[in-house]
Amino acid sequence: MTSTSVSVACPLCGCRQNYFIDSPSTVERPDLVNCDTDEGGCDKYFVVFSHIRVEKFVRAAKIEGEQ
């Protein structure tokens, strides 16, 4: 699993906060988060729907002088 930091605005009070979401490399699932009062939030729970995709690619280049 990987941990991804996302910035989310609370739909109830508009307070923007960062959350860490643990997920595999490709997933669509809801996460229940709390609008943190220590960050100026409203202390209410709301659901964040995240779609995380990890792209992997390889690039090769010829080294000059090599055959």
C-alpha atoms as a PDB file:
ATOM      1  CA  MET A   1       0.000   0.000   0.000  1.00  0.00           C
ATOM      2  CA  THR A   2       0.994   3.581  -0.540  1.00  0.00           C
ATOM      3  CA  SER A   3       0.106   6.658   1.460  1.00  0.00           C
ATOM      4  CA  THR A   4      -0.970   9.673  -0.577  1.00  0.00           C
ATOM      5  CA  SER A   5      -1.449  13.217   0.700  1.00  0.00           C
ATOM      6  CA  VAL A   6      -4.541  14.956  -0.674  1.00  0.00           C
ATOM      7  CA  SER A   7      -5.846  18.470  -0.075  1.00  0.00           C
ATOM      8  CA  VAL A   8      -9.604  18.495   0.532  1.00  0.00           C
ATOM      9  CA  ALA A   9     -12.070  21.299   1.242  1.00  0.00           C
ATOM     10  CA  CYS A  10     -14.833  20.410   3.717  1.00  0.00           C
ATOM     11  CA  PRO A  11     -18.202  20.544   1.896  1.00  0.00           C
ATOM     12  CA  LEU A  12     -19.880  21.852   5.079  1.00  0.00           C
ATOM     13  CA  CYS A  13     -17.629  24.726   6.212  1.00  0.00           C
ATOM     14  CA  GLY A  14     -15.135  25.123   3.334  1.00  0.00           C
ATOM     15  CA  CYS A  15     -12.037  24.621   5.509  1.00  0.00           C
ATOM     16  CA  ARG A  16      -9.163  23.202   3.404  1.00  0.00           C
ATOM     17  CA  GLN A  17      -7.039  20.499   5.038  1.00  0.00           C
ATOM     18  CA  ASN A  18      -4.512  17.839   4.018  1.00  0.00           C
ATOM     19  CA  TYR A  19      -5.261  14.148   4.602  1.00  0.00           C
ATOM     20  CA  PHE A  20      -3.201  11.014   4.098  1.00  0.00           C
ATOM     21  CA  ILE A  21      -5.118   8.245   2.319  1.00  0.00           C
ATOM     22  CA  ASP A  22      -3.718   4.691   2.373  1.00  0.00           C
ATOM     23  CA  SER A  23      -4.488   2.798  -0.804  1.00  0.00           C
ATOM     24  CA  PRO A  24      -3.065   0.336  -3.309  1.00  0.00           C
ATOM     25  CA  SER A  25      -1.609   1.710  -6.559  1.00  0.00           C
ATOM     26  CA  THR A  26      -4.949   1.784  -8.420  1.00  0.00           C
ATOM     27  CA  VAL A  27      -8.205   2.096  -6.517  1.00  0.00           C
ATOM     28  CA  GLU A  28     -11.506   3.929  -6.339  1.00  0.00           C
ATOM     29  CA  ARG A  29     -12.985   3.910  -2.868  1.00  0.00           C
ATOM     30  CA  PRO A  30     -14.564   6.280  -0.352  1.00  0.00           C
ATOM     31  CA  ASP A  31     -12.758   7.416   2.807  1.00  0.00           C
ATOM     32  CA  LEU A  32     -14.440   8.854   5.898  1.00  0.00           C
ATOM     33  CA  VAL A  33     -12.567  11.929   7.160  1.00  0.00           C
ATOM     34  CA  ASN A  34     -13.123  14.402   9.977  1.00  0.00           C
ATOM     35  CA  CYS A  35     -12.929  18.174   9.520  1.00  0.00           C
ATOM     36  CA  ASP A  36     -10.304  18.889  12.193  1.00  0.00           C
ATOM     37  CA  THR A  37     -11.141  21.649  14.695  1.00  0.00           C
ATOM     38  CA  ASP A  38      -7.408  22.151  15.390  1.00  0.00           C
ATOM     39  CA  GLU A  39      -7.096  23.352  11.787  1.00  0.00           C
ATOM     40  CA  GLY A  40     -10.149  25.643  12.026  1.00  0.00           C
ATOM     41  CA  GLY A  41     -12.696  23.053  10.864  1.00  0.00           C
ATOM     42  CA  CYS A  42     -16.233  22.226  11.986  1.00  0.00           C
ATOM     43  CA  ASP A  43     -15.584  18.760  13.581  1.00  0.00           C
ATOM     44  CA  LYS A  44     -18.047  17.051  11.206  1.00  0.00           C
ATOM     45  CA  TYR A  45     -17.414  13.865   9.227  1.00  0.00           C
ATOM     46  CA  PHE A  46     -17.652  13.716   5.436  1.00  0.00           C
ATOM     47  CA  VAL A  47     -16.739  11.243   2.705  1.00  0.00           C
ATOM     48  CA  VAL A  48     -13.887  11.720   0.232  1.00  0.00           C
ATOM     49  CA  PHE A  49     -14.068   9.716  -2.996  1.00  0.00           C
ATOM     50  CA  SER A  50     -10.552   9.242  -4.323  1.00  0.00           C
ATOM     51  CA  HIS A  51      -9.335   7.814  -7.596  1.00  0.00           C
ATOM     52  CA  ILE A  52      -5.616   7.132  -7.474  1.00  0.00           C
ATOM     53  CA  ARG A  53      -3.623   5.849 -10.427  1.00  0.00           C
ATOM     54  CA  VAL A  54       0.123   5.276 -10.556  1.00  0.00           C
ATOM     55  CA  GLU A  55       1.694   5.440 -13.997  1.00  0.00           C
ATOM     56  CA  LYS A  56       4.972   3.688 -14.721  1.00  0.00           C
ATOM     57  CA  PHE A  57       7.060   4.250 -17.816  1.00  0.00           C
ATOM     58  CA  VAL A  58      10.552   3.478 -19.056  1.00  0.00           C
ATOM     59  CA  ARG A  59      12.696   5.565 -21.372  1.00  0.00           C
ATOM     60  CA  ALA A  60      15.802   4.178 -23.047  1.00  0.00           C
ATOM     61  CA  ALA A  61      18.551   6.142 -24.756  1.00  0.00           C
ATOM     62  CA  LYS A  62      21.578   5.053 -26.765  1.00  0.00           C
ATOM     63  CA  ILE A  63      24.991   5.832 -25.272  1.00  0.00           C
ATOM     64  CA  GLU A  64      27.238   7.418 -27.889  1.00  0.00           C
ATOM     65  CA  GLY A  65      30.217   5.297 -28.831  1.00  0.00           C
ATOM     66  CA  GLU A  66      28.487   2.046 -27.819  1.00  0.00           C
ATOM     67  CA  GLN A  67      27.257  -0.478 -30.352  1.00  0.00           C
END
